[in-house]
């Protein structure tokens, strides 16, 4: 791997670049909170060769949303379920938009 390959990973939302301590610090939460949302499988951090949890930027955004709900008084399990449902809804809306674009670009001749 070259140095350029390593720098390209910095833009990858799914690259597990953050340690548990750094992730907790960035979110303004505790490592216990990250463990709790991992236990209910909201996010599953990757493990380093030494067994340490590593989080991606995408996972940190998910965790931040769960933290918002918990800060509003919601139990962790309920907050995680809501975040999962929000994520599923967003994905379904994205797929529907793609289908609409494909149907629109096919034009009336495709229906005949």
PDB file of N, CA and C in Angstrom:
ATOM      1  N   UNK A   1       0.841  -1.170   0.000  1.00  0.00           N
ATOM      2  CA  UNK A   1       0.000   0.000   0.000  1.00  0.00           C
ATOM      3  C   UNK A   1       0.890   1.238   0.000  1.00  0.00           C
ATOM      4  N   UNK A   2       0.521   2.211  -0.805  1.00  0.00           N
ATOM      5  CA  UNK A   2       1.300   3.436  -0.888  1.00  0.00           C
ATOM      6  C   UNK A   2       0.726   4.488   0.044  1.00  0.00           C
ATOM      7  N   UNK A   3       1.473   5.548   0.233  1.00  0.00           N
ATOM      8  CA  UNK A   3       0.987   6.642   1.081  1.00  0.00           C
ATOM      9  C   UNK A   3      -0.275   7.236   0.487  1.00  0.00           C
ATOM     10  N   UNK A   4      -0.349   7.315  -0.840  1.00  0.00           N
ATOM     11  CA  UNK A   4      -1.552   7.844  -1.496  1.00  0.00           C
ATOM     12  C   UNK A   4      -2.777   7.011  -1.177  1.00  0.00           C
ATOM     13  N   UNK A   5      -2.624   5.689  -1.127  1.00  0.00           N
ATOM     14  CA  UNK A   5      -3.739   4.805  -0.781  1.00  0.00           C
ATOM     15  C   UNK A   5      -4.234   5.096   0.633  1.00  0.00           C
ATOM     16  N   UNK A   6      -3.310   5.334   1.550  1.00  0.00           N
ATOM     17  CA  UNK A   6      -3.679   5.628   2.935  1.00  0.00           C
ATOM     18  C   UNK A   6      -4.460   6.927   3.019  1.00  0.00           C
ATOM     19  N   UNK A   7      -4.040   7.938   2.274  1.00  0.00           N
ATOM     20  CA  UNK A   7      -4.733   9.225   2.320  1.00  0.00           C
ATOM     21  C   UNK A   7      -6.115   9.131   1.692  1.00  0.00           C
ATOM     22  N   UNK A   8      -6.283   8.282   0.687  1.00  0.00           N
ATOM     23  CA  UNK A   8      -7.589   8.098   0.063  1.00  0.00           C
ATOM     24  C   UNK A   8      -8.605   7.571   1.074  1.00  0.00           C
ATOM     25  N   UNK A   9      -8.165   6.798   2.023  1.00  0.00           N
ATOM     26  CA  UNK A   9      -9.064   6.246   3.034  1.00  0.00           C
ATOM     27  C   UNK A   9      -9.655   7.325   3.936  1.00  0.00           C
ATOM     28  N   UNK A  10      -8.966   8.458   4.039  1.00  0.00           N
ATOM     29  CA  UNK A  10      -9.461   9.533   4.897  1.00  0.00           C
ATOM     30  C   UNK A  10     -10.805  10.063   4.417  1.00  0.00           C
ATOM     31  N   UNK A  11     -11.098   9.929   3.140  1.00  0.00           N
ATOM     32  CA  UNK A  11     -12.368  10.377   2.584  1.00  0.00           C
ATOM     33  C   UNK A  11     -13.429   9.288   2.601  1.00  0.00           C
ATOM     34  N   UNK A  12     -13.071   8.087   2.993  1.00  0.00           N
ATOM     35  CA  UNK A  12     -13.982   6.940   2.989  1.00  0.00           C
ATOM     36  C   UNK A  12     -14.832   6.954   4.262  1.00  0.00           C
ATOM     37  N   UNK A  13     -16.138   7.146   4.098  1.00  0.00           N
ATOM     38  CA  UNK A  13     -17.062   7.194   5.241  1.00  0.00           C
ATOM     39  C   UNK A  13     -17.109   5.890   6.030  1.00  0.00           C
ATOM     40  N   UNK A  14     -16.746   4.793   5.391  1.00  0.00           N
ATOM     41  CA  UNK A  14     -16.837   3.487   6.035  1.00  0.00           C
ATOM     42  C   UNK A  14     -15.510   2.985   6.591  1.00  0.00           C
ATOM     43  N   UNK A  15     -14.457   3.755   6.428  1.00  0.00           N
ATOM     44  CA  UNK A  15     -13.157   3.333   6.933  1.00  0.00           C
ATOM     45  C   UNK A  15     -13.115   3.494   8.452  1.00  0.00           C
ATOM     46  N   UNK A  16     -12.798   2.432   9.183  1.00  0.00           N
ATOM     47  CA  UNK A  16     -12.811   2.487  10.662  1.00  0.00           C
ATOM     48  C   UNK A  16     -11.564   3.178  11.214  1.00  0.00           C
ATOM     49  N   UNK A  17     -11.585   4.493  11.204  1.00  0.00           N
ATOM     50  CA  UNK A  17     -10.400   5.277  11.545  1.00  0.00           C
ATOM     51  C   UNK A  17     -10.330   5.702  13.009  1.00  0.00           C
ATOM     52  N   UNK A  18     -11.422   5.606  13.745  1.00  0.00           N
ATOM     53  CA  UNK A  18     -11.478   6.195  15.080  1.00  0.00           C
ATOM     54  C   UNK A  18     -11.509   5.143  16.178  1.00  0.00           C
ATOM     55  N   UNK A  19     -10.656   5.324  17.163  1.00  0.00           N
ATOM     56  CA  UNK A  19     -10.662   4.446  18.329  1.00  0.00           C
ATOM     57  C   UNK A  19     -11.901   4.739  19.169  1.00  0.00           C
ATOM     58  N   UNK A  20     -12.203   3.858  20.087  1.00  0.00           N
ATOM     59  CA  UNK A  20     -13.356   4.067  20.951  1.00  0.00           C
ATOM     60  C   UNK A  20     -13.204   5.364  21.757  1.00  0.00           C
ATOM     61  N   UNK A  21     -12.032   5.583  22.300  1.00  0.00           N
ATOM     62  CA  UNK A  21     -11.810   6.795  23.087  1.00  0.00           C
ATOM     63  C   UNK A  21     -11.999   8.055  22.276  1.00  0.00           C
ATOM     64  N   UNK A  22     -11.446   8.061  21.064  1.00  0.00           N
ATOM     65  CA  UNK A  22     -11.576   9.235  20.191  1.00  0.00           C
ATOM     66  C   UNK A  22     -13.017   9.412  19.747  1.00  0.00           C
ATOM     67  N   UNK A  23     -13.700   8.318  19.425  1.00  0.00           N
ATOM     68  CA  UNK A  23     -15.102   8.391  19.012  1.00  0.00           C
ATOM     69  C   UNK A  23     -15.960   8.968  20.134  1.00  0.00           C
ATOM     70  N   UNK A  24     -15.769   8.488  21.353  1.00  0.00           N
ATOM     71  CA  UNK A  24     -16.531   8.987  22.498  1.00  0.00           C
ATOM     72  C   UNK A  24     -16.257  10.474  22.710  1.00  0.00           C
ATOM     73  N   UNK A  25     -15.010  10.858  22.571  1.00  0.00           N
ATOM     74  CA  UNK A  25     -14.638  12.267  22.733  1.00  0.00           C
ATOM     75  C   UNK A  25     -15.316  13.130  21.671  1.00  0.00           C
ATOM     76  N   UNK A  26     -15.297  12.679  20.422  1.00  0.00           N
ATOM     77  CA  UNK A  26     -15.904  13.434  19.327  1.00  0.00           C
ATOM     78  C   UNK A  26     -17.409  13.590  19.516  1.00  0.00           C
ATOM     79  N   UNK A  27     -18.047  12.560  20.064  1.00  0.00           N
ATOM     80  CA  UNK A  27     -19.497  12.587  20.272  1.00  0.00           C
ATOM     81  C   UNK A  27     -19.892  13.265  21.577  1.00  0.00           C
ATOM     82  N   UNK A  28     -18.915  13.486  22.445  1.00  0.00           N
ATOM     83  CA  UNK A  28     -19.224  14.063  23.745  1.00  0.00           C
ATOM     84  C   UNK A  28     -19.986  13.097  24.622  1.00  0.00           C
ATOM     85  N   UNK A  29     -19.634  11.845  24.529  1.00  0.00           N
ATOM     86  CA  UNK A  29     -20.323  10.806  25.292  1.00  0.00           C
ATOM     87  C   UNK A  29     -19.289   9.912  25.963  1.00  0.00           C
ATOM     88  N   UNK A  30     -19.746   8.822  26.511  1.00  0.00           N
ATOM     89  CA  UNK A  30     -18.841   7.891  27.194  1.00  0.00           C
ATOM     90  C   UNK A  30     -18.586   6.670  26.317  1.00  0.00           C
ATOM     91  N   UNK A  31     -17.532   5.963  26.655  1.00  0.00           N
ATOM     92  CA  UNK A  31     -17.266   4.702  25.964  1.00  0.00           C
ATOM     93  C   UNK A  31     -18.367   3.694  26.282  1.00  0.00           C
ATOM     94  N   UNK A  32     -18.944   3.802  27.464  1.00  0.00           N
ATOM     95  CA  UNK A  32     -20.049   2.923  27.833  1.00  0.00           C
ATOM     96  C   UNK A  32     -21.251   3.093  26.922  1.00  0.00           C
ATOM     97  N   UNK A  33     -21.519   4.326  26.498  1.00  0.00           N
ATOM     98  CA  UNK A  33     -22.619   4.568  25.560  1.00  0.00           C
ATOM     99  C   UNK A  33     -22.344   3.853  24.246  1.00  0.00           C
ATOM    100  N   UNK A  34     -21.105   3.948  23.755  1.00  0.00           N
ATOM    101  CA  UNK A  34     -20.758   3.260  22.509  1.00  0.00           C
ATOM    102  C   UNK A  34     -20.894   1.750  22.664  1.00  0.00           C
ATOM    103  N   UNK A  35     -20.505   1.226  23.818  1.00  0.00           N
ATOM    104  CA  UNK A  35     -20.682  -0.215  24.055  1.00  0.00           C
ATOM    105  C   UNK A  35     -22.168  -0.569  24.064  1.00  0.00           C
ATOM    106  N   UNK A  36     -22.988   0.274  24.695  1.00  0.00           N
ATOM    107  CA  UNK A  36     -24.426   0.004  24.803  1.00  0.00           C
ATOM    108  C   UNK A  36     -25.086  -0.039  23.429  1.00  0.00           C
ATOM    109  N   UNK A  37     -24.749   0.917  22.558  1.00  0.00           N
ATOM    110  CA  UNK A  37     -25.386   0.887  21.235  1.00  0.00           C
ATOM    111  C   UNK A  37     -24.814  -0.239  20.377  1.00  0.00           C
ATOM    112  N   UNK A  38     -23.632  -0.694  20.718  1.00  0.00           N
ATOM    113  CA  UNK A  38     -23.082  -1.879  20.061  1.00  0.00           C
ATOM    114  C   UNK A  38     -23.798  -3.138  20.511  1.00  0.00           C
ATOM    115  N   UNK A  39     -24.149  -3.200  21.796  1.00  0.00           N
ATOM    116  CA  UNK A  39     -24.847  -4.377  22.336  1.00  0.00           C
ATOM    117  C   UNK A  39     -26.226  -4.546  21.720  1.00  0.00           C
ATOM    118  N   UNK A  40     -26.905  -3.443  21.423  1.00  0.00           N
ATOM    119  CA  UNK A  40     -28.217  -3.546  20.778  1.00  0.00           C
ATOM    120  C   UNK A  40     -28.095  -3.540  19.254  1.00  0.00           C
ATOM    121  N   UNK A  41     -26.849  -3.614  18.790  1.00  0.00           N
ATOM    122  CA  UNK A  41     -26.512  -3.768  17.368  1.00  0.00           C
ATOM    123  C   UNK A  41     -26.942  -2.606  16.483  1.00  0.00           C
ATOM    124  N   UNK A  42     -26.899  -1.403  17.041  1.00  0.00           N
ATOM    125  CA  UNK A  42     -27.121  -0.239  16.187  1.00  0.00           C
ATOM    126  C   UNK A  42     -25.916  -0.077  15.269  1.00  0.00           C
ATOM    127  N   UNK A  43     -24.738  -0.196  15.840  1.00  0.00           N
ATOM    128  CA  UNK A  43     -23.510  -0.180  15.056  1.00  0.00           C
ATOM    129  C   UNK A  43     -22.628  -1.332  15.535  1.00  0.00           C
ATOM    130  N   UNK A  44     -21.851  -1.853  14.634  1.00  0.00           N
ATOM    131  CA  UNK A  44     -20.908  -2.913  14.974  1.00  0.00           C
ATOM    132  C   UNK A  44     -19.526  -2.447  14.556  1.00  0.00           C
ATOM    133  N   UNK A  45     -18.742  -1.995  15.516  1.00  0.00           N
ATOM    134  CA  UNK A  45     -17.416  -1.509  15.152  1.00  0.00           C
ATOM    135  C   UNK A  45     -16.531  -2.652  14.666  1.00  0.00           C
ATOM    136  N   UNK A  46     -15.630  -2.311  13.785  1.00  0.00           N
ATOM    137  CA  UNK A  46     -14.640  -3.286  13.368  1.00  0.00           C
ATOM    138  C   UNK A  46     -13.596  -3.387  14.467  1.00  0.00           C
ATOM    139  N   UNK A  47     -12.828  -4.430  14.430  1.00  0.00           N
ATOM    140  CA  UNK A  47     -11.785  -4.627  15.445  1.00  0.00           C
ATOM    141  C   UNK A  47     -10.413  -4.535  14.797  1.00  0.00           C
ATOM    142  N   UNK A  48      -9.516  -3.872  15.497  1.00  0.00           N
ATOM    143  CA  UNK A  48      -8.131  -3.802  15.041  1.00  0.00           C
ATOM    144  C   UNK A  48      -7.497  -5.173  15.253  1.00  0.00           C
ATOM    145  N   UNK A  49      -6.322  -5.413  14.697  1.00  0.00           N
ATOM    146  CA  UNK A  49      -5.646  -6.700  14.941  1.00  0.00           C
ATOM    147  C   UNK A  49      -5.452  -6.982  16.432  1.00  0.00           C
ATOM    148  N   UNK A  50      -5.359  -5.940  17.237  1.00  0.00           N
ATOM    149  CA  UNK A  50      -5.205  -6.112  18.680  1.00  0.00           C
ATOM    150  C   UNK A  50      -6.526  -6.260  19.415  1.00  0.00           C
ATOM    151  N   UNK A  51      -7.647  -6.232  18.683  1.00  0.00           N
ATOM    152  CA  UNK A  51      -8.961  -6.428  19.294  1.00  0.00           C
ATOM    153  C   UNK A  51      -9.655  -5.151  19.726  1.00  0.00           C
ATOM    154  N   UNK A  52      -9.079  -3.994  19.432  1.00  0.00           N
ATOM    155  CA  UNK A  52      -9.684  -2.717  19.832  1.00  0.00           C
ATOM    156  C   UNK A  52     -10.782  -2.311  18.855  1.00  0.00           C
ATOM    157  N   UNK A  53     -11.836  -1.711  19.381  1.00  0.00           N
ATOM    158  CA  UNK A  53     -12.935  -1.256  18.534  1.00  0.00           C
ATOM    159  C   UNK A  53     -12.488  -0.054  17.708  1.00  0.00           C
ATOM    160  N   UNK A  54     -12.930  -0.040  16.440  1.00  0.00           N
ATOM    161  CA  UNK A  54     -12.652   1.069  15.522  1.00  0.00           C
ATOM    162  C   UNK A  54     -13.959   1.476  14.856  1.00  0.00           C
ATOM    163  N   UNK A  55     -14.195   2.777  14.799  1.00  0.00           N
ATOM    164  CA  UNK A  55     -15.443   3.320  14.271  1.00  0.00           C
ATOM    165  C   UNK A  55     -15.200   4.150  13.015  1.00  0.00           C
ATOM    166  N   UNK A  56     -16.166   4.096  12.100  1.00  0.00           N
ATOM    167  CA  UNK A  56     -16.112   4.900  10.880  1.00  0.00           C
ATOM    168  C   UNK A  56     -16.892   6.194  11.096  1.00  0.00           C
ATOM    169  N   UNK A  57     -16.727   7.123  10.165  1.00  0.00           N
ATOM    170  CA  UNK A  57     -17.502   8.373  10.248  1.00  0.00           C
ATOM    171  C   UNK A  57     -18.992   8.094  10.122  1.00  0.00           C
ATOM    172  N   UNK A  58     -19.364   7.158   9.261  1.00  0.00           N
ATOM    173  CA  UNK A  58     -20.775   6.807   9.123  1.00  0.00           C
ATOM    174  C   UNK A  58     -21.327   6.297  10.456  1.00  0.00           C
ATOM    175  N   UNK A  59     -20.588   5.426  11.125  1.00  0.00           N
ATOM    176  CA  UNK A  59     -21.031   4.903  12.418  1.00  0.00           C
ATOM    177  C   UNK A  59     -21.126   6.017  13.456  1.00  0.00           C
ATOM    178  N   UNK A  60     -20.228   6.974  13.397  1.00  0.00           N
ATOM    179  CA  UNK A  60     -20.283   8.083  14.349  1.00  0.00           C
ATOM    180  C   UNK A  60     -21.511   8.958  14.109  1.00  0.00           C
ATOM    181  N   UNK A  61     -21.912   9.133  12.856  1.00  0.00           N
ATOM    182  CA  UNK A  61     -23.143   9.896  12.583  1.00  0.00           C
ATOM    183  C   UNK A  61     -24.362   9.165  13.140  1.00  0.00           C
ATOM    184  N   UNK A  62     -24.395   7.856  12.982  1.00  0.00           N
ATOM    185  CA  UNK A  62     -25.489   7.048  13.517  1.00  0.00           C
ATOM    186  C   UNK A  62     -25.509   7.154  15.048  1.00  0.00           C
ATOM    187  N   UNK A  63     -24.342   7.021  15.654  1.00  0.00           N
ATOM    188  CA  UNK A  63     -24.237   7.112  17.113  1.00  0.00           C
ATOM    189  C   UNK A  63     -24.647   8.491  17.615  1.00  0.00           C
ATOM    190  N   UNK A  64     -24.293   9.535  16.871  1.00  0.00           N
ATOM    191  CA  UNK A  64     -24.657  10.898  17.268  1.00  0.00           C
ATOM    192  C   UNK A  64     -26.170  11.074  17.263  1.00  0.00           C
ATOM    193  N   UNK A  65     -26.839  10.501  16.272  1.00  0.00           N
ATOM    194  CA  UNK A  65     -28.315  10.592  16.220  1.00  0.00           C
ATOM    195  C   UNK A  65     -28.921   9.858  17.409  1.00  0.00           C
ATOM    196  N   UNK A  66     -28.403   8.689  17.730  1.00  0.00           N
ATOM    197  CA  UNK A  66     -28.905   7.943  18.894  1.00  0.00           C
ATOM    198  C   UNK A  66     -28.681   8.748  20.167  1.00  0.00           C
ATOM    199  N   UNK A  67     -27.538   9.382  20.271  1.00  0.00           N
ATOM    200  CA  UNK A  67     -27.236  10.188  21.458  1.00  0.00           C
ATOM    201  C   UNK A  67     -28.223  11.345  21.595  1.00  0.00           C
ATOM    202  N   UNK A  68     -28.588  11.983  20.475  1.00  0.00           N
ATOM    203  CA  UNK A  68     -29.582  13.060  20.511  1.00  0.00           C
ATOM    204  C   UNK A  68     -30.878  12.569  21.149  1.00  0.00           C
ATOM    205  N   UNK A  69     -31.327  11.394  20.720  1.00  0.00           N
ATOM    206  CA  UNK A  69     -32.586  10.849  21.241  1.00  0.00           C
ATOM    207  C   UNK A  69     -32.465  10.477  22.710  1.00  0.00           C
ATOM    208  N   UNK A  70     -31.335   9.900  23.098  1.00  0.00           N
ATOM    209  CA  UNK A  70     -31.115   9.544  24.502  1.00  0.00           C
ATOM    210  C   UNK A  70     -31.073  10.806  25.356  1.00  0.00           C
ATOM    211  N   UNK A  71     -30.433  11.853  24.846  1.00  0.00           N
ATOM    212  CA  UNK A  71     -30.376  13.118  25.579  1.00  0.00           C
ATOM    213  C   UNK A  71     -31.756  13.733  25.770  1.00  0.00           C
ATOM    214  N   UNK A  72     -32.707  13.376  24.887  1.00  0.00           N
ATOM    215  CA  UNK A  72     -34.086  13.858  25.004  1.00  0.00           C
ATOM    216  C   UNK A  72     -34.911  12.995  25.954  1.00  0.00           C
ATOM    217  N   UNK A  73     -34.263  11.994  26.557  1.00  0.00           N
ATOM    218  CA  UNK A  73     -34.937  11.172  27.548  1.00  0.00           C
ATOM    219  C   UNK A  73     -35.388   9.802  27.089  1.00  0.00           C
ATOM    220  N   UNK A  74     -35.032   9.425  25.891  1.00  0.00           N
ATOM    221  CA  UNK A  74     -35.448   8.132  25.353  1.00  0.00           C
ATOM    222  C   UNK A  74     -34.498   7.036  25.839  1.00  0.00           C
ATOM    223  N   UNK A  75     -35.024   5.861  26.167  1.00  0.00           N
ATOM    224  CA  UNK A  75     -34.138   4.741  26.516  1.00  0.00           C
ATOM    225  C   UNK A  75     -33.247   4.366  25.325  1.00  0.00           C
ATOM    226  N   UNK A  76     -32.057   3.859  25.608  1.00  0.00           N
ATOM    227  CA  UNK A  76     -31.090   3.527  24.556  1.00  0.00           C
ATOM    228  C   UNK A  76     -31.694   2.578  23.528  1.00  0.00           C
ATOM    229  N   UNK A  77     -32.382   1.552  23.977  1.00  0.00           N
ATOM    230  CA  UNK A  77     -32.936   0.562  23.050  1.00  0.00           C
ATOM    231  C   UNK A  77     -33.949   1.202  22.108  1.00  0.00           C
ATOM    232  N   UNK A  78     -34.804   2.069  22.633  1.00  0.00           N
ATOM    233  CA  UNK A  78     -35.806   2.741  21.802  1.00  0.00           C
ATOM    234  C   UNK A  78     -35.141   3.709  20.831  1.00  0.00           C
ATOM    235  N   UNK A  79     -34.154   4.436  21.306  1.00  0.00           N
ATOM    236  CA  UNK A  79     -33.428   5.371  20.439  1.00  0.00           C
ATOM    237  C   UNK A  79     -32.777   4.621  19.285  1.00  0.00           C
ATOM    238  N   UNK A  80     -32.178   3.505  19.576  1.00  0.00           N
ATOM    239  CA  UNK A  80     -31.522   2.712  18.533  1.00  0.00           C
ATOM    240  C   UNK A  80     -32.540   2.204  17.516  1.00  0.00           C
ATOM    241  N   UNK A  81     -33.685   1.777  17.990  1.00  0.00           N
ATOM    242  CA  UNK A  81     -34.723   1.289  17.071  1.00  0.00           C
ATOM    243  C   UNK A  81     -35.202   2.409  16.159  1.00  0.00           C
ATOM    244  N   UNK A  82     -35.378   3.595  16.700  1.00  0.00           N
ATOM    245  CA  UNK A  82     -35.800   4.741  15.896  1.00  0.00           C
ATOM    246  C   UNK A  82     -34.753   5.068  14.844  1.00  0.00           C
ATOM    247  N   UNK A  83     -33.493   5.069  15.226  1.00  0.00           N
ATOM    248  CA  UNK A  83     -32.423   5.374  14.273  1.00  0.00           C
ATOM    249  C   UNK A  83     -32.396   4.336  13.154  1.00  0.00           C
ATOM    250  N   UNK A  84     -32.575   3.076  13.502  1.00  0.00           N
ATOM    251  CA  UNK A  84     -32.620   2.013  12.489  1.00  0.00           C
ATOM    252  C   UNK A  84     -33.779   2.246  11.525  1.00  0.00           C
ATOM    253  N   UNK A  85     -34.949   2.571  12.058  1.00  0.00           N
ATOM    254  CA  UNK A  85     -36.117   2.821  11.207  1.00  0.00           C
ATOM    255  C   UNK A  85     -35.925   4.055  10.331  1.00  0.00           C
ATOM    256  N   UNK A  86     -35.314   5.099  10.887  1.00  0.00           N
ATOM    257  CA  UNK A  86     -35.026   6.290  10.083  1.00  0.00           C
ATOM    258  C   UNK A  86     -34.081   5.945   8.932  1.00  0.00           C
ATOM    259  N   UNK A  87     -33.090   5.146   9.209  1.00  0.00           N
ATOM    260  CA  UNK A  87     -32.121   4.742   8.195  1.00  0.00           C
ATOM    261  C   UNK A  87     -32.798   3.909   7.106  1.00  0.00           C
ATOM    262  N   UNK A  88     -33.676   2.993   7.512  1.00  0.00           N
ATOM    263  CA  UNK A  88     -34.395   2.162   6.542  1.00  0.00           C
ATOM    264  C   UNK A  88     -35.320   3.017   5.678  1.00  0.00           C
ATOM    265  N   UNK A  89     -35.980   3.991   6.287  1.00  0.00           N
ATOM    266  CA  UNK A  89     -36.860   4.875   5.531  1.00  0.00           C
ATOM    267  C   UNK A  89     -36.071   5.689   4.511  1.00  0.00           C
ATOM    268  N   UNK A  90     -34.948   6.220   4.931  1.00  0.00           N
ATOM    269  CA  UNK A  90     -34.100   6.998   4.019  1.00  0.00           C
ATOM    270  C   UNK A  90     -33.654   6.142   2.830  1.00  0.00           C
ATOM    271  N   UNK A  91     -33.274   4.904   3.098  1.00  0.00           N
ATOM    272  CA  UNK A  91     -32.855   4.002   2.018  1.00  0.00           C
ATOM    273  C   UNK A  91     -34.018   3.688   1.081  1.00  0.00           C
ATOM    274  N   UNK A  92     -35.201   3.451   1.622  1.00  0.00           N
ATOM    275  CA  UNK A  92     -36.374   3.172   0.792  1.00  0.00           C
ATOM    276  C   UNK A  92     -36.715   4.382  -0.078  1.00  0.00           C
ATOM    277  N   UNK A  93     -36.609   5.573   0.480  1.00  0.00           N
ATOM    278  CA  UNK A  93     -36.886   6.783  -0.299  1.00  0.00           C
ATOM    279  C   UNK A  93     -35.856   6.959  -1.415  1.00  0.00           C
ATOM    280  N   UNK A  94     -34.601   6.636  -1.135  1.00  0.00           N
ATOM    281  CA  UNK A  94     -33.554   6.727  -2.151  1.00  0.00           C
ATOM    282  C   UNK A  94     -33.841   5.756  -3.293  1.00  0.00           C
ATOM    283  N   UNK A  95     -34.234   4.524  -2.958  1.00  0.00           N
ATOM    284  CA  UNK A  95     -34.542   3.515  -3.978  1.00  0.00           C
ATOM    285  C   UNK A  95     -35.753   3.948  -4.798  1.00  0.00           C
ATOM    286  N   UNK A  96     -36.790   4.464  -4.146  1.00  0.00           N
ATOM    287  CA  UNK A  96     -37.973   4.941  -4.869  1.00  0.00           C
ATOM    288  C   UNK A  96     -37.610   6.057  -5.841  1.00  0.00           C
ATOM    289  N   UNK A  97     -36.755   6.974  -5.414  1.00  0.00           N
ATOM    290  CA  UNK A  97     -36.335   8.066  -6.292  1.00  0.00           C
ATOM    291  C   UNK A  97     -35.585   7.513  -7.509  1.00  0.00           C
ATOM    292  N   UNK A  98     -34.747   6.497  -7.291  1.00  0.00           N
ATOM    293  CA  UNK A  98     -34.032   5.883  -8.414  1.00  0.00           C
ATOM    294  C   UNK A  98     -35.008   5.233  -9.395  1.00  0.00           C
ATOM    295  N   UNK A  99     -36.023   4.540  -8.870  1.00  0.00           N
ATOM    296  CA  UNK A  99     -37.022   3.916  -9.736  1.00  0.00           C
ATOM    297  C   UNK A  99     -37.775   4.971 -10.531  1.00  0.00           C
ATOM    298  N   UNK A 100     -38.125   6.079  -9.882  1.00  0.00           N
ATOM    299  CA  UNK A 100     -38.843   7.146 -10.581  1.00  0.00           C
ATOM    300  C   UNK A 100     -37.980   7.748 -11.690  1.00  0.00           C
ATOM    301  N   UNK A 101     -36.698   7.967 -11.400  1.00  0.00           N
ATOM    302  CA  UNK A 101     -35.793   8.509 -12.422  1.00  0.00           C
ATOM    303  C   UNK A 101     -35.678   7.533 -13.592  1.00  0.00           C
ATOM    304  N   UNK A 102     -35.536   6.242 -13.287  1.00  0.00           N
ATOM    305  CA  UNK A 102     -35.413   5.230 -14.348  1.00  0.00           C
ATOM    306  C   UNK A 102     -36.692   5.160 -15.174  1.00  0.00           C
ATOM    307  N   UNK A 103     -37.836   5.222 -14.507  1.00  0.00           N
ATOM    308  CA  UNK A 103     -39.117   5.183 -15.239  1.00  0.00           C
ATOM    309  C   UNK A 103     -39.306   6.420 -16.078  1.00  0.00           C
ATOM    310  N   UNK A 104     -38.872   7.563 -15.565  1.00  0.00           N
ATOM    311  CA  UNK A 104     -38.996   8.816 -16.309  1.00  0.00           C
ATOM    312  C   UNK A 104     -38.066   8.870 -17.501  1.00  0.00           C
ATOM    313  N   UNK A 105     -36.883   8.313 -17.368  1.00  0.00           N
ATOM    314  CA  UNK A 105     -35.927   8.339 -18.472  1.00  0.00           C
ATOM    315  C   UNK A 105     -36.278   7.311 -19.546  1.00  0.00           C
ATOM    316  N   UNK A 106     -37.048   6.283 -19.170  1.00  0.00           N
ATOM    317  CA  UNK A 106     -37.452   5.271 -20.155  1.00  0.00           C
ATOM    318  C   UNK A 106     -38.458   5.853 -21.135  1.00  0.00           C
ATOM    319  N   UNK A 107     -39.249   6.829 -20.674  1.00  0.00           N
ATOM    320  CA  UNK A 107     -40.192   7.517 -21.556  1.00  0.00           C
ATOM    321  C   UNK A 107     -41.375   6.662 -21.917  1.00  0.00           C
ATOM    322  N   UNK A 108     -42.309   7.248 -22.664  1.00  0.00           N
ATOM    323  CA  UNK A 108     -43.544   6.542 -23.023  1.00  0.00           C
ATOM    324  C   UNK A 108     -43.320   5.363 -23.954  1.00  0.00           C
ATOM    325  N   UNK A 109     -42.260   5.359 -24.741  1.00  0.00           N
ATOM    326  CA  UNK A 109     -42.049   4.258 -25.683  1.00  0.00           C
ATOM    327  C   UNK A 109     -41.728   2.959 -24.971  1.00  0.00           C
ATOM    328  N   UNK A 110     -41.208   3.033 -23.737  1.00  0.00           N
ATOM    329  CA  UNK A 110     -40.874   1.812 -22.980  1.00  0.00           C
ATOM    330  C   UNK A 110     -42.129   1.115 -22.497  1.00  0.00           C
ATOM    331  N   UNK A 111     -43.220   1.851 -22.337  1.00  0.00           N
ATOM    332  CA  UNK A 111     -44.461   1.248 -21.840  1.00  0.00           C
ATOM    333  C   UNK A 111     -45.197   0.503 -22.949  1.00  0.00           C
ATOM    334  N   UNK A 112     -44.913   0.804 -24.186  1.00  0.00           N
ATOM    335  CA  UNK A 112     -45.637   0.199 -25.318  1.00  0.00           C
ATOM    336  C   UNK A 112     -45.176  -1.200 -25.602  1.00  0.00           C
TER     337      UNK A 112
END
